Amino acid sequence: MRNTIIKSTEEVVSCSDNGQHPLVYINLKAGSGQCQYCGQKFSKTSKATNEALAA
């Protein structure tokens, strides 16, 4: 299981663990989600937050 959280501005993300498991879509409407196969964690962030981190 991975320790990093992937941040996305999208409300729905996909995960296949580089082809290691079936492609699944994870809804981040609640703010976060986790892949049921590999346990990868995802978090929804606002666009403004991502731009501030990049600066």
Protein backbone atom coordinates (compact mmCIF):
# COMPACT_ATOMS: atom_id res chain seq x y z
CA MET A 1 0.00 0.00 0.00
CA ARG A 2 1.27 3.45 -0.89
CA ASN A 3 1.81 6.27 1.57
CA THR A 4 1.37 9.18 -0.85
CA ILE A 5 -1.93 10.90 -1.54
CA ILE A 6 -2.53 11.93 -5.14
CA LYS A 7 -4.14 15.37 -5.34
CA SER A 8 -6.50 16.24 -8.18
CA THR A 9 -8.76 19.11 -9.15
CA GLU A 10 -11.04 16.61 -10.92
CA GLU A 11 -14.12 15.21 -9.18
CA VAL A 12 -13.60 11.73 -10.67
CA VAL A 13 -10.19 10.04 -11.01
CA SER A 14 -9.14 6.68 -12.41
CA CYS A 15 -6.74 4.06 -11.07
CA SER A 16 -5.33 0.87 -12.59
CA ASP A 17 -2.00 0.73 -10.72
CA ASN A 18 -0.18 0.83 -14.07
CA GLY A 19 -2.24 -2.09 -15.39
CA GLN A 20 -1.86 -4.21 -12.28
CA HIS A 21 -5.63 -4.29 -11.60
CA PRO A 22 -8.84 -3.46 -13.51
CA LEU A 23 -9.43 0.21 -14.30
CA VAL A 24 -11.68 1.78 -11.67
CA TYR A 25 -13.07 5.28 -11.31
CA ILE A 26 -13.10 6.95 -7.90
CA ASN A 27 -15.53 9.74 -7.07
CA LEU A 28 -13.95 12.51 -5.00
CA LYS A 29 -17.19 14.41 -4.42
CA ALA A 30 -16.76 13.88 -0.66
CA GLY A 31 -13.23 15.32 -0.87
CA SER A 32 -11.22 12.10 -0.89
CA GLY A 33 -11.32 8.47 -1.93
CA GLN A 34 -9.33 5.28 -2.04
CA CYS A 35 -8.86 2.57 -4.67
CA GLN A 36 -10.58 -0.64 -3.65
CA TYR A 37 -7.88 -2.77 -5.32
CA CYS A 38 -4.51 -1.23 -4.45
CA GLY A 39 -5.40 1.17 -1.63
CA GLN A 40 -4.04 4.28 -3.41
CA LYS A 41 -5.50 7.41 -1.80
CA PHE A 42 -6.78 10.42 -3.74
CA SER A 43 -7.76 13.88 -2.53
CA LYS A 44 -9.68 16.65 -4.30
CA THR A 45 -8.12 20.10 -4.15
CA SER A 46 -9.22 23.42 -5.52
CA LYS A 47 -7.44 24.90 -8.54
CA ALA A 48 -6.37 27.91 -6.46
CA THR A 49 -4.65 25.63 -3.94
CA ASN A 50 -2.70 23.83 -6.66
CA GLU A 51 -1.56 27.12 -8.20
CA ALA A 52 -0.39 28.40 -4.83
CA LEU A 53 1.65 25.22 -4.27
CA ALA A 54 3.29 25.52 -7.69
CA ALA A 55 4.43 29.13 -7.07
